[in-house]
């Protein structure tokens, strides 16, 4: 019987960050990068907080001046120590208990880049990010990227104006590299 090694499994990145530059990764944001790493630290008790008053409380759409990859919205990105092939995103939003103007991202896009200048849209969503268990969305991608970002174009919070947003978690699942298994077939003997 032939037994093939399935190869490495998919991996989730980044590993919990402890500062904006941590573990070879660098987190930043369109507004106030001071706490950008907090979305990547794997903890629900810390959060990235977007720009205050950047979203219209009547329409929930973005009204400030930030953009990334030609998409208008507050953004959060990570430069990874090694490029990955992202195939899904996990994000979790948290309401700010000290503010009734805190919204939940409900229209957002995932972008990838290898030079921090030219960005490719990998995924677009109109799903409000879940505050209790988080939201996971998969997408088809076969290209490795060293920069991955989220751009939030709209927020919502039932009964409240969504003037900014918070993320306690943001991570990406990377497609595993191909296995090194090679099968050869001997046409003379019929052996594999």
Protein backbone atom coordinates (compact mmCIF):
# COMPACT_ATOMS: atom_id res chain seq x y z
CA UNK A 1 0.00 0.00 0.00
CA UNK A 2 1.13 3.51 -0.70
CA UNK A 3 1.00 5.98 2.12
CA UNK A 4 1.29 9.64 1.22
CA UNK A 5 2.20 12.39 3.61
CA UNK A 6 -0.70 14.86 3.52
CA UNK A 7 1.76 17.73 3.97
CA UNK A 8 1.41 20.65 6.33
CA UNK A 9 -2.01 21.82 7.52
CA UNK A 10 -3.46 25.29 7.00
CA UNK A 11 -2.08 27.85 9.43
CA UNK A 12 -3.66 30.87 11.10
CA UNK A 13 -1.66 34.11 11.18
CA UNK A 14 -0.48 36.16 12.83
CA UNK A 15 0.69 34.61 16.06
CA UNK A 16 -0.46 36.82 18.97
CA UNK A 17 1.22 40.20 18.67
CA UNK A 18 2.39 42.19 21.71
CA UNK A 19 3.22 45.49 19.97
CA UNK A 20 2.86 47.08 16.53
CA UNK A 21 6.12 45.34 15.58
CA UNK A 22 6.14 41.86 17.02
CA UNK A 23 7.27 38.42 15.87
CA UNK A 24 8.49 39.81 12.55
CA UNK A 25 5.02 41.25 11.79
CA UNK A 26 4.10 44.95 11.69
CA UNK A 27 0.56 46.26 12.26
CA UNK A 28 -0.60 49.70 11.20
CA UNK A 29 -3.79 51.63 10.54
CA UNK A 30 -5.04 54.55 8.49
CA UNK A 31 -5.86 56.37 11.68
CA UNK A 32 -3.86 56.16 14.88
CA UNK A 33 -1.63 53.11 14.51
CA UNK A 34 -0.87 53.20 18.24
CA UNK A 35 -3.27 50.36 19.01
CA UNK A 36 -3.31 48.58 15.62
CA UNK A 37 -1.62 45.47 17.07
CA UNK A 38 -4.50 44.93 19.50
CA UNK A 39 -6.65 43.44 16.72
CA UNK A 40 -3.89 40.86 16.17
CA UNK A 41 -3.10 39.90 19.78
CA UNK A 42 -5.64 37.06 20.02
CA UNK A 43 -7.41 38.61 23.00
CA UNK A 44 -11.02 39.74 23.39
CA UNK A 45 -10.05 42.16 26.15
CA UNK A 46 -8.07 44.52 23.90
CA UNK A 47 -9.30 46.25 20.75
CA UNK A 48 -8.27 48.32 17.79
CA UNK A 49 -10.42 51.47 17.71
CA UNK A 50 -11.01 53.25 14.42
CA UNK A 51 -11.15 56.99 13.82
CA UNK A 52 -13.82 58.78 15.87
CA UNK A 53 -16.62 60.51 13.88
CA UNK A 54 -15.47 58.90 10.60
CA UNK A 55 -18.85 57.35 9.77
CA UNK A 56 -22.11 59.21 9.21
CA UNK A 57 -24.54 58.35 12.05
CA UNK A 58 -27.53 58.58 9.67
CA UNK A 59 -26.21 56.53 6.73
CA UNK A 60 -23.44 54.55 8.50
CA UNK A 61 -21.17 55.19 5.48
CA UNK A 62 -17.57 56.37 5.71
CA UNK A 63 -17.13 60.15 5.48
CA UNK A 64 -13.49 60.82 6.40
CA UNK A 65 -10.35 60.91 4.24
CA UNK A 66 -8.65 57.51 4.64
CA UNK A 67 -8.39 55.02 1.79
CA UNK A 68 -6.33 52.00 0.83
CA UNK A 69 -6.08 50.43 -2.61
CA UNK A 70 -8.50 53.04 -3.96
CA UNK A 71 -11.19 52.04 -1.44
CA UNK A 72 -12.46 54.75 0.88
CA UNK A 73 -12.71 53.62 4.50
CA UNK A 74 -10.79 53.29 7.72
CA UNK A 75 -8.23 50.50 7.31
CA UNK A 76 -6.12 48.18 9.38
CA UNK A 77 -3.24 46.17 7.91
CA UNK A 78 -0.46 43.80 8.78
CA UNK A 79 2.88 43.28 7.12
CA UNK A 80 3.73 39.62 7.68
CA UNK A 81 7.20 38.23 8.34
CA UNK A 82 6.59 35.77 5.47
CA UNK A 83 4.09 35.94 2.64
CA UNK A 84 1.05 33.67 2.91
CA UNK A 85 -1.78 32.59 0.62
CA UNK A 86 -4.80 33.84 2.61
CA UNK A 87 -8.01 31.84 2.08
CA UNK A 88 -10.19 33.02 4.98
CA UNK A 89 -10.52 35.78 7.53
CA UNK A 90 -11.74 35.72 11.13
CA UNK A 91 -12.78 38.95 12.79
CA UNK A 92 -14.59 39.84 15.96
CA UNK A 93 -16.08 43.18 16.83
CA UNK A 94 -16.67 44.53 20.28
CA UNK A 95 -18.94 47.35 21.35
CA UNK A 96 -17.31 50.07 23.34
CA UNK A 97 -19.20 50.11 26.66
CA UNK A 98 -18.12 53.75 27.18
CA UNK A 99 -19.64 55.01 23.93
CA UNK A 100 -23.06 54.88 22.34
CA UNK A 101 -21.44 55.94 19.04
CA UNK A 102 -19.59 52.67 18.51
CA UNK A 103 -20.52 50.73 15.41
CA UNK A 104 -19.94 47.26 14.01
CA UNK A 105 -18.28 46.82 10.59
CA UNK A 106 -21.01 45.68 8.18
CA UNK A 107 -19.42 46.44 4.81
CA UNK A 108 -15.75 45.59 4.55
CA UNK A 109 -13.10 44.33 2.16
CA UNK A 110 -9.96 42.26 2.50
CA UNK A 111 -6.99 43.35 0.37
CA UNK A 112 -3.57 41.85 -0.33
CA UNK A 113 -0.31 43.45 -1.48
CA UNK A 114 3.35 42.61 -1.86
CA UNK A 115 4.67 46.18 -1.99
CA UNK A 116 2.23 48.18 0.21
CA UNK A 117 1.33 50.26 -2.87
CA UNK A 118 -0.53 48.02 -5.30
CA UNK A 119 -3.47 46.32 -3.61
CA UNK A 120 -5.70 43.49 -4.83
CA UNK A 121 -9.19 42.94 -3.45
CA UNK A 122 -9.42 39.37 -2.14
CA UNK A 123 -12.88 39.51 -0.57
CA UNK A 124 -15.85 41.84 -0.17
CA UNK A 125 -18.49 41.39 2.52
CA UNK A 126 -21.78 42.93 3.58
CA UNK A 127 -21.96 40.83 6.74
CA UNK A 128 -22.09 42.64 10.07
CA UNK A 129 -19.22 41.34 12.18
CA UNK A 130 -20.50 39.22 15.07
CA UNK A 131 -19.74 40.56 18.53
CA UNK A 132 -20.16 37.33 20.47
CA UNK A 133 -18.46 34.55 18.50
CA UNK A 134 -16.88 36.47 15.62
CA UNK A 135 -17.28 36.10 11.87
CA UNK A 136 -15.32 33.79 9.57
CA UNK A 137 -15.53 34.17 5.81
CA UNK A 138 -13.66 32.15 3.20
CA UNK A 139 -12.57 33.28 -0.24
CA UNK A 140 -10.74 31.89 -3.24
CA UNK A 141 -7.15 33.04 -3.58
CA UNK A 142 -4.00 31.37 -4.94
CA UNK A 143 -1.52 34.27 -4.60
CA UNK A 144 0.84 34.80 -1.67
CA UNK A 145 0.82 38.25 -0.06
CA UNK A 146 3.08 39.83 2.53
CA UNK A 147 0.60 42.62 3.38
CA UNK A 148 -3.05 41.94 4.21
CA UNK A 149 -5.59 44.62 5.12
CA UNK A 150 -9.21 45.21 5.99
CA UNK A 151 -10.97 48.37 4.80
CA UNK A 152 -14.29 49.13 6.53
CA UNK A 153 -16.61 51.14 4.29
CA UNK A 154 -19.73 51.08 6.47
CA UNK A 155 -20.69 50.37 10.07
CA UNK A 156 -23.95 49.64 11.82
CA UNK A 157 -25.17 49.36 15.36
CA UNK A 158 -28.92 48.85 15.84
CA UNK A 159 -30.43 51.87 17.55
CA UNK A 160 -27.17 53.82 17.59
CA UNK A 161 -25.10 55.97 15.29
CA UNK A 162 -22.07 54.10 14.01
CA UNK A 163 -19.39 56.76 14.20
CA UNK A 164 -16.43 54.40 14.64
CA UNK A 165 -15.72 50.70 15.14
CA UNK A 166 -13.69 48.30 17.26
CA UNK A 167 -12.05 44.97 16.43
CA UNK A 168 -10.81 42.66 19.14
CA UNK A 169 -9.62 39.98 16.70
CA UNK A 170 -8.40 39.83 13.13
CA UNK A 171 -6.60 36.80 11.73
CA UNK A 172 -6.18 34.99 8.45
CA UNK A 173 -6.03 31.33 7.53
CA UNK A 174 -3.32 30.57 5.02
CA UNK A 175 -3.50 27.82 2.45
CA UNK A 176 -0.89 25.18 3.22
CA UNK A 177 2.05 24.95 0.86
CA UNK A 178 1.82 22.07 -1.61
CA UNK A 179 2.98 18.67 -0.43
CA UNK A 180 6.32 17.34 -1.65
CA UNK A 181 4.80 13.96 -2.47
CA UNK A 182 5.82 12.77 -5.90
CA UNK A 183 4.50 9.58 -7.43
CA UNK A 184 6.31 7.95 -10.29
CA UNK A 185 5.00 5.08 -12.32
CA UNK A 186 7.33 2.58 -13.97
CA UNK A 187 5.69 1.70 -17.28
CA UNK A 188 7.89 -1.39 -17.68
CA UNK A 189 7.17 -3.04 -14.34
CA UNK A 190 3.85 -1.38 -13.50
CA UNK A 191 5.19 -0.34 -10.09
CA UNK A 192 4.50 2.95 -8.45
